[in-house]
């Protein structure tokens, strides 16, 4: 005899994202895109030296899952994969982040096949390259790394001085650089955490729609107070902002991931495509509103670690 119980409200499949996870996914991609739209990226070109050395140089990575010489990484992870940003700078010039290009090995243009792991800031060659080689590549790196709390567990290593590479970055066993990029959190960063706080209330009489609220914490970590304060004000000023969410469940079902399991681009879809209407191939979900943004825990934990937390209530009508 079939059960007469009705289905759980709002839940279709056990393994799909629900409100809390959906919010974290959306806010991560939303802020990744919005920071690019205000020019928060750094372009690194071959032989483009800075105060601490040549940032275009990659170093070989010791990874037990790969043959030595196949994986090479930069000092800063989280390479930009997005296109069509169209940032307008102070000179009214339209800019787009520099894309992966101009691979060279020992100062010679290379034809080696490889794929790119954008989140970890790595290229992975199909065949190994001598670890004594000089490997360089053009790319853009995010100034601000935005992470979900699940991607930044508190036992992960917080890394300082990622622009201060000198020669220590090029060495296997070089302090913090001996830690794989899987386990490094680089500043400045914003860690998004859905807190165990929220409520549901009726939306209108005679209907079953609800106003669902969830509290989100934006944990800001920086190496100086100026950067910390700018990011703190940027997030706090978004109070009363309304924007459309995308449905991460239909995105997954349709295989519209921007990056695959290797961290490589899967196609040409950007964040703006995800929030487009389904008619245009997007995954538009409900609108969301940020309210009651509060700044707290503004403090200096030690000489090079400055922290702030923004707590914001997110409202969705379901």
Protein backbone atom coordinates (compact mmCIF):
# COMPACT_ATOMS: atom_id res chain seq x y z
CA UNK A 1 0.00 0.00 0.00
CA UNK A 2 1.45 3.34 -1.02
CA UNK A 3 2.15 5.90 1.68
CA UNK A 4 -0.36 8.72 1.98
CA UNK A 5 2.26 11.12 3.34
CA UNK A 6 2.95 14.19 1.23
CA UNK A 7 6.47 14.98 0.06
CA UNK A 8 8.78 17.21 2.03
CA UNK A 9 7.97 20.79 1.10
CA UNK A 10 10.53 22.43 -1.15
CA UNK A 11 12.62 19.26 -1.46
CA UNK A 12 12.55 17.24 -4.66
CA UNK A 13 15.76 15.18 -4.39
CA UNK A 14 17.88 14.41 -1.34
CA UNK A 15 21.23 15.20 -2.99
CA UNK A 16 20.32 18.58 -4.48
CA UNK A 17 21.41 21.95 -3.08
CA UNK A 18 18.91 23.56 -0.76
CA UNK A 19 18.69 27.20 0.34
CA UNK A 20 21.87 27.47 2.45
CA UNK A 21 24.21 25.79 -0.05
CA UNK A 22 22.53 27.51 -2.97
CA UNK A 23 23.18 30.89 -1.36
CA UNK A 24 26.87 30.13 -0.78
CA UNK A 25 27.35 28.98 -4.38
CA UNK A 26 25.61 32.06 -5.75
CA UNK A 27 27.40 34.57 -3.53
CA UNK A 28 30.80 33.08 -4.39
CA UNK A 29 30.25 33.49 -8.15
CA UNK A 30 28.42 36.81 -7.72
CA UNK A 31 31.32 38.46 -5.89
CA UNK A 32 33.95 36.83 -8.13
CA UNK A 33 32.22 38.52 -11.08
CA UNK A 34 31.51 41.85 -9.39
CA UNK A 35 35.10 42.29 -8.20
CA UNK A 36 36.29 41.78 -11.77
CA UNK A 37 33.78 44.41 -12.90
CA UNK A 38 35.57 46.97 -10.71
CA UNK A 39 39.04 45.97 -11.92
CA UNK A 40 40.15 43.71 -9.06
CA UNK A 41 42.63 41.62 -10.99
CA UNK A 42 46.36 41.69 -11.70
CA UNK A 43 47.80 40.90 -15.12
CA UNK A 44 51.02 38.90 -15.21
CA UNK A 45 52.96 38.74 -18.46
CA UNK A 46 56.08 36.79 -19.38
CA UNK A 47 59.24 38.52 -18.11
CA UNK A 48 57.14 41.07 -16.23
CA UNK A 49 59.33 41.50 -13.17
CA UNK A 50 58.25 43.18 -9.96
CA UNK A 51 59.88 44.25 -6.74
CA UNK A 52 60.35 40.63 -5.65
CA UNK A 53 61.19 38.97 -8.95
CA UNK A 54 59.55 37.65 -12.12
CA UNK A 55 55.94 36.80 -11.31
CA UNK A 56 55.41 35.02 -14.63
CA UNK A 57 57.68 32.15 -13.55
CA UNK A 58 55.99 28.95 -12.50
CA UNK A 59 57.53 26.31 -10.28
CA UNK A 60 57.24 22.51 -10.48
CA UNK A 61 54.89 20.95 -7.95
CA UNK A 62 55.46 17.74 -6.03
CA UNK A 63 52.11 16.00 -6.35
CA UNK A 64 51.88 12.27 -5.74
CA UNK A 65 49.09 11.98 -8.31
CA UNK A 66 51.25 13.31 -11.16
CA UNK A 67 54.62 12.46 -12.65
CA UNK A 68 57.30 14.94 -11.61
CA UNK A 69 57.50 17.83 -14.07
CA UNK A 70 53.87 17.67 -15.21
CA UNK A 71 52.37 20.18 -12.75
CA UNK A 72 53.58 23.80 -12.51
CA UNK A 73 52.07 26.57 -10.38
CA UNK A 74 52.31 30.33 -9.78
CA UNK A 75 52.84 32.14 -6.50
CA UNK A 76 49.23 33.41 -6.53
CA UNK A 77 46.40 30.96 -7.13
CA UNK A 78 42.84 31.71 -8.34
CA UNK A 79 43.52 32.66 -11.95
CA UNK A 80 40.78 34.53 -13.80
CA UNK A 81 38.81 32.38 -16.24
CA UNK A 82 36.02 34.86 -16.99
CA UNK A 83 35.76 36.91 -20.20
CA UNK A 84 33.48 39.77 -21.26
CA UNK A 85 33.92 41.66 -17.98
CA UNK A 86 34.18 45.06 -19.72
CA UNK A 87 35.63 46.97 -16.76
CA UNK A 88 35.78 50.72 -17.47
CA UNK A 89 38.87 52.25 -15.88
CA UNK A 90 39.49 55.86 -14.80
CA UNK A 91 40.59 56.72 -18.35
CA UNK A 92 37.25 55.42 -19.70
CA UNK A 93 39.05 52.50 -21.35
CA UNK A 94 37.22 49.17 -21.50
CA UNK A 95 39.33 46.33 -20.10
CA UNK A 96 39.02 42.56 -19.94
CA UNK A 97 41.31 40.28 -17.91
CA UNK A 98 44.33 38.89 -19.76
CA UNK A 99 43.67 35.29 -20.74
CA UNK A 100 46.00 32.29 -20.51
CA UNK A 101 48.53 32.65 -23.35
CA UNK A 102 52.17 32.87 -24.39
CA UNK A 103 53.52 29.71 -22.77
CA UNK A 104 57.31 29.59 -22.91
CA UNK A 105 59.91 27.09 -21.73
CA UNK A 106 63.47 28.32 -21.30
CA UNK A 107 62.56 31.57 -23.10
CA UNK A 108 61.32 29.73 -26.20
CA UNK A 109 57.62 29.67 -27.23
CA UNK A 110 56.34 26.22 -26.31
CA UNK A 111 53.92 24.00 -28.22
CA UNK A 112 53.48 21.59 -25.31
CA UNK A 113 49.92 20.39 -24.66
CA UNK A 114 48.51 21.16 -21.23
CA UNK A 115 45.34 22.03 -19.34
CA UNK A 116 44.80 24.82 -16.83
CA UNK A 117 43.61 24.48 -13.24
CA UNK A 118 42.33 28.02 -12.65
CA UNK A 119 41.40 27.79 -8.94
CA UNK A 120 44.80 26.37 -7.97
CA UNK A 121 46.80 28.55 -10.38
CA UNK A 122 48.40 25.61 -12.19
CA UNK A 123 49.08 24.25 -15.62
CA UNK A 124 49.33 20.50 -16.07
CA UNK A 125 51.38 19.26 -19.02
CA UNK A 126 50.42 16.13 -20.93
CA UNK A 127 54.08 15.06 -20.79
CA UNK A 128 56.59 16.05 -18.09
CA UNK A 129 58.91 19.03 -18.48
CA UNK A 130 62.34 19.03 -16.83
CA UNK A 131 62.02 20.53 -13.35
CA UNK A 132 65.13 22.60 -14.08
CA UNK A 133 63.29 24.41 -16.88
CA UNK A 134 62.13 28.02 -16.82
CA UNK A 135 58.36 27.86 -17.40
CA UNK A 136 56.35 31.09 -17.86
CA UNK A 137 52.85 31.98 -18.98
CA UNK A 138 50.62 35.06 -19.35
CA UNK A 139 47.57 35.16 -17.07
CA UNK A 140 45.39 37.27 -14.80
CA UNK A 141 45.14 36.68 -11.05
CA UNK A 142 42.37 37.85 -8.74
CA UNK A 143 43.26 40.47 -6.15
CA UNK A 144 40.54 39.14 -3.84
CA UNK A 145 39.96 35.42 -3.37
CA UNK A 146 36.32 34.62 -2.54
CA UNK A 147 35.75 31.21 -0.95
CA UNK A 148 32.91 29.19 0.50
CA UNK A 149 33.46 28.13 4.11
CA UNK A 150 33.61 24.49 3.02
CA UNK A 151 36.53 25.37 0.72
CA UNK A 152 38.43 27.10 3.51
CA UNK A 153 38.39 24.91 6.62
CA UNK A 154 40.09 26.59 9.56
CA UNK A 155 42.90 24.02 9.61
CA UNK A 156 43.93 25.18 6.13
CA UNK A 157 47.15 27.19 6.12
CA UNK A 158 46.73 30.97 5.91
CA UNK A 159 49.57 32.18 3.71
CA UNK A 160 51.30 35.54 3.99
CA UNK A 161 53.44 37.50 1.55
CA UNK A 162 52.24 35.87 -1.66
CA UNK A 163 53.63 38.77 -3.68
CA UNK A 164 57.00 38.54 -1.89
CA UNK A 165 58.26 35.61 -3.91
CA UNK A 166 62.01 36.25 -4.37
CA UNK A 167 63.79 32.94 -4.90
CA UNK A 168 62.07 31.09 -2.07
CA UNK A 169 58.95 30.48 -4.19
CA UNK A 170 61.01 28.59 -6.77
CA UNK A 171 62.26 26.10 -4.18
CA UNK A 172 60.39 22.91 -3.28
CA UNK A 173 61.08 23.14 0.44
CA UNK A 174 60.60 26.82 1.17
CA UNK A 175 58.48 27.34 4.25
CA UNK A 176 54.86 28.10 3.42
CA UNK A 177 55.54 27.39 -0.26
CA UNK A 178 56.12 23.72 0.58
CA UNK A 179 52.38 23.50 1.27
CA UNK A 180 50.33 22.57 -1.81
CA UNK A 181 47.94 25.17 -3.20
CA UNK A 182 45.06 22.87 -2.19
CA UNK A 183 45.81 23.85 1.41
CA UNK A 184 46.74 27.53 1.12
CA UNK A 185 44.41 30.46 1.72
CA UNK A 186 45.92 33.63 0.27
CA UNK A 187 44.98 37.13 1.38
CA UNK A 188 43.10 39.31 0.90
CA UNK A 189 40.19 36.92 0.97
CA UNK A 190 36.49 36.77 1.77
CA UNK A 191 35.12 33.53 3.21
CA UNK A 192 31.35 33.09 2.86
CA UNK A 193 29.60 31.11 5.59
CA UNK A 194 25.88 30.37 5.89
CA UNK A 195 25.18 30.62 9.61
CA UNK A 196 22.76 28.38 11.54
CA UNK A 197 20.36 31.32 11.85
CA UNK A 198 17.24 32.19 9.87
CA UNK A 199 13.47 31.87 9.77
CA UNK A 200 10.47 31.38 7.51
CA UNK A 201 7.27 33.42 7.53
CA UNK A 202 4.19 33.58 5.37
CA UNK A 203 4.31 35.81 2.31
CA UNK A 204 0.61 36.43 1.68
CA UNK A 205 -2.79 35.35 2.98
CA UNK A 206 -4.34 32.33 1.28
CA UNK A 207 -1.08 31.11 -0.27
CA UNK A 208 1.72 28.80 0.74
CA UNK A 209 4.58 31.07 -0.39
CA UNK A 210 7.12 31.95 2.29
CA UNK A 211 9.74 34.61 2.90
CA UNK A 212 12.81 32.54 3.76
CA UNK A 213 15.71 34.26 5.53
CA UNK A 214 19.23 32.98 6.11
CA UNK A 215 22.06 34.79 7.83
CA UNK A 216 25.36 34.93 5.97
CA UNK A 217 28.76 35.83 7.43
CA UNK A 218 31.42 37.35 5.20
CA UNK A 219 34.77 36.79 6.96
CA UNK A 220 37.37 39.23 5.64
CA UNK A 221 41.09 38.56 6.12
CA UNK A 222 43.85 40.88 4.91
CA UNK A 223 47.48 41.69 5.63
CA UNK A 224 46.87 45.41 6.18
CA UNK A 225 44.09 47.55 7.62
CA UNK A 226 43.54 49.60 4.44
CA UNK A 227 42.64 46.54 2.34
CA UNK A 228 40.56 45.09 5.18
CA UNK A 229 38.61 48.36 5.56
CA UNK A 230 37.97 48.69 1.82
CA UNK A 231 36.61 45.15 1.56
CA UNK A 232 34.59 45.59 4.75
CA UNK A 233 32.91 48.72 3.38
CA UNK A 234 32.39 47.17 -0.05
CA UNK A 235 30.45 44.21 1.39
CA UNK A 236 28.56 46.29 3.95
CA UNK A 237 27.40 48.81 1.33
CA UNK A 238 25.49 46.04 -0.48
CA UNK A 239 22.72 46.18 2.14
CA UNK A 240 19.25 46.37 0.48
CA UNK A 241 20.75 45.06 -2.76
CA UNK A 242 18.45 42.80 -4.80
CA UNK A 243 19.69 40.39 -7.44
CA UNK A 244 18.61 37.16 -9.12
CA UNK A 245 19.97 33.81 -7.98
CA UNK A 246 20.65 30.92 -10.34
CA UNK A 247 19.54 27.35 -9.65
CA UNK A 248 22.71 25.36 -8.99
CA UNK A 249 20.69 22.13 -9.26
CA UNK A 250 19.51 22.63 -12.84
CA UNK A 251 22.96 23.94 -13.70
CA UNK A 252 24.45 20.66 -12.48
CA UNK A 253 21.79 18.55 -14.18
CA UNK A 254 22.42 20.29 -17.52
CA UNK A 255 26.20 20.06 -17.10
CA UNK A 256 26.64 23.83 -17.37
CA UNK A 257 29.55 24.03 -14.93
CA UNK A 258 31.96 26.84 -15.77
CA UNK A 259 34.92 24.70 -14.61
CA UNK A 260 35.28 20.92 -14.67
CA UNK A 261 36.68 18.62 -11.98
CA UNK A 262 40.22 19.53 -13.09
CA UNK A 263 39.61 23.27 -12.70
CA UNK A 264 39.65 23.76 -16.49
CA UNK A 265 37.09 25.81 -18.38
CA UNK A 266 34.27 23.80 -19.90
CA UNK A 267 32.96 26.35 -22.38
CA UNK A 268 32.09 30.00 -22.80
CA UNK A 269 29.31 30.48 -20.22
CA UNK A 270 29.87 33.19 -17.63
CA UNK A 271 28.08 34.15 -14.41
CA UNK A 272 25.79 36.46 -16.37
CA UNK A 273 24.67 33.47 -18.45
CA UNK A 274 23.81 31.47 -15.32
CA UNK A 275 21.36 34.12 -14.04
CA UNK A 276 19.76 34.58 -17.46
CA UNK A 277 16.28 33.23 -18.13
CA UNK A 278 15.81 29.59 -19.03
CA UNK A 279 14.62 30.70 -22.47
CA UNK A 280 18.15 31.95 -23.12
CA UNK A 281 19.77 28.82 -21.71
CA UNK A 282 20.23 30.22 -18.21
CA UNK A 283 19.17 28.93 -14.80
CA UNK A 284 17.41 31.93 -13.28
CA UNK A 285 15.94 31.20 -9.86
CA UNK A 286 14.23 33.49 -7.37
CA UNK A 287 15.32 37.08 -6.61
CA UNK A 288 17.24 37.59 -3.39
CA UNK A 289 17.56 40.66 -1.19
CA UNK A 290 20.34 41.51 1.24
CA UNK A 291 19.18 43.25 4.44
CA UNK A 292 20.40 44.21 7.92
CA UNK A 293 24.11 44.23 7.14
CA UNK A 294 26.16 44.55 10.35
CA UNK A 295 29.93 44.96 10.79
CA UNK A 296 31.56 43.11 13.69
CA UNK A 297 34.86 41.63 14.89
CA UNK A 298 36.98 44.39 13.36
CA UNK A 299 40.37 43.65 14.84
CA UNK A 300 44.07 43.11 14.29
CA UNK A 301 45.02 39.61 15.36
CA UNK A 302 48.74 40.16 14.95
CA UNK A 303 51.21 42.26 12.95
CA UNK A 304 50.05 41.10 9.51
CA UNK A 305 46.56 39.77 10.06
CA UNK A 306 43.55 42.09 9.99
CA UNK A 307 40.02 40.73 10.28
CA UNK A 308 36.41 41.86 9.98
CA UNK A 309 33.09 40.05 9.74
CA UNK A 310 29.96 41.29 7.97
CA UNK A 311 26.71 39.58 8.95
CA UNK A 312 23.93 39.97 6.39
CA UNK A 313 20.39 38.59 6.22
CA UNK A 314 19.36 37.18 2.83
CA UNK A 315 15.64 37.12 1.95
CA UNK A 316 14.13 34.84 -0.71
CA UNK A 317 10.45 34.37 -1.54
CA UNK A 318 9.65 30.70 -2.21
